[in-house]
Every structure is written in C-alpha cells, then in structure tokens.
Amino acid sequence: MVYIIFIHALTNGLFRIRLQGQNAKLNMAGPLVDGQVVSRRVLGTLVRQTALNMCRRRRLESDRYVWHENLWSS
C-alpha cells in the first residue's frame, strides 16, 4: 500500500494538497486533508505530521501488528 502527498504551488503563493492512496481512511490521517490549501509557513510541519500519521495508521491496521507495552517503564 502506497500513500502519496502531492503539493501543487498556486499562483497566489499558497499550496494545494492532494492525497492519494488505496485506503478510504487516508483523509483521517490528518492534519492535512485532500484538497486543502495551506501557506508556505505551515506546509513543512503539516506534511511531516501527516506522513507520520499515515505510517502509524498503516502499521496499526496491519494484520501482523502486535501492540505490547514498554517493558522498561515503571
């Protein structure tokens, strides 16, 4: 399963975000959603957070994922 974040520069200096993937829950990965327009100031942070959330969502939805508690925490 591959997720792709497309960033299109608009003439007014903003950026349109397009998300592509095979999962219907892709838009729930946030903070970015498909079709959203953002400024350059927040673009890097939002793309980074969205990519991390997509990876986490994919891992959690995997049939082979097994969650276990940290053994070294008190």
Protein backbone atom coordinates (compact mmCIF):
# COMPACT_ATOMS: atom_id res chain seq x y z
CA MET A 1 0.00 0.00 0.00
CA VAL A 2 1.47 3.33 -1.07
CA TYR A 3 0.41 6.78 0.09
CA ILE A 4 1.43 9.87 -1.85
CA ILE A 5 1.21 13.52 -0.81
CA PHE A 6 1.14 15.86 -3.82
CA ILE A 7 1.90 19.54 -3.27
CA HIS A 8 0.80 21.96 -6.00
CA ALA A 9 2.02 25.57 -5.88
CA LEU A 10 -0.75 28.06 -6.64
CA THR A 11 -0.23 31.46 -8.28
CA ASN A 12 -1.21 33.29 -5.08
CA GLY A 13 1.69 31.75 -3.10
CA LEU A 14 -0.39 29.10 -1.36
CA PHE A 15 -0.17 25.34 -1.85
CA ARG A 16 -2.92 22.83 -2.63
CA ILE A 17 -2.55 19.40 -1.07
CA ARG A 18 -3.66 16.22 -2.85
CA LEU A 19 -3.57 12.89 -1.04
CA GLN A 20 -3.55 9.63 -2.95
CA GLY A 21 -3.71 6.13 -1.55
CA GLN A 22 -5.64 2.89 -1.58
CA ASN A 23 -7.20 3.26 1.86
CA ALA A 24 -10.54 5.02 2.39
CA LYS A 25 -9.32 6.19 5.81
CA LEU A 26 -6.48 8.16 4.23
CA ASN A 27 -8.12 11.54 4.89
CA MET A 28 -8.44 10.65 8.55
CA ALA A 29 -4.66 10.61 8.94
CA GLY A 30 -4.62 14.43 9.21
CA PRO A 31 -3.80 17.16 9.89
CA LEU A 32 -3.83 17.61 6.10
CA VAL A 33 -6.84 16.50 4.07
CA ASP A 34 -7.27 16.09 0.32
CA GLY A 35 -7.86 19.43 -1.43
CA GLN A 36 -6.73 21.58 1.48
CA VAL A 37 -4.92 24.85 0.73
CA VAL A 38 -2.13 25.92 3.10
CA SER A 39 0.54 28.61 3.35
CA ARG A 40 4.27 28.05 2.97
CA ARG A 41 4.71 28.86 6.66
CA VAL A 42 2.88 25.74 7.88
CA LEU A 43 3.48 23.46 4.88
CA GLY A 44 6.55 21.60 6.16
CA THR A 45 5.17 20.90 9.62
CA LEU A 46 1.77 19.73 8.34
CA VAL A 47 3.27 17.46 5.65
CA ARG A 48 5.62 15.90 8.21
CA GLN A 49 2.80 15.29 10.71
CA THR A 50 0.52 13.86 8.02
CA ALA A 51 3.23 11.49 6.73
CA LEU A 52 3.92 10.22 10.27
CA ASN A 53 0.21 9.72 10.91
CA MET A 54 -0.19 7.82 7.62
CA CYS A 55 2.63 5.47 8.63
CA ARG A 56 1.14 4.94 12.09
CA ARG A 57 -2.33 4.27 10.65
CA ARG A 58 -0.91 1.75 8.18
CA ARG A 59 1.01 -0.03 10.93
CA LEU A 60 -2.00 -0.16 13.27
CA GLU A 61 -4.28 -1.53 10.54
CA SER A 62 -1.81 -4.24 9.60
CA ASP A 63 -2.90 -7.78 10.43
CA ARG A 64 0.60 -8.58 11.64
CA TYR A 65 0.91 -5.62 14.06
CA VAL A 66 1.14 -6.67 17.70
CA TRP A 67 0.99 -3.96 20.33
CA HIS A 68 2.91 -4.55 23.53
CA GLU A 69 3.67 -2.30 26.47
CA ASN A 70 7.09 -0.89 27.15
CA LEU A 71 8.74 -3.39 29.47
CA TRP A 72 11.15 -0.86 30.90
CA SER A 73 8.65 1.73 32.09
CA SER A 74 7.79 1.85 35.76
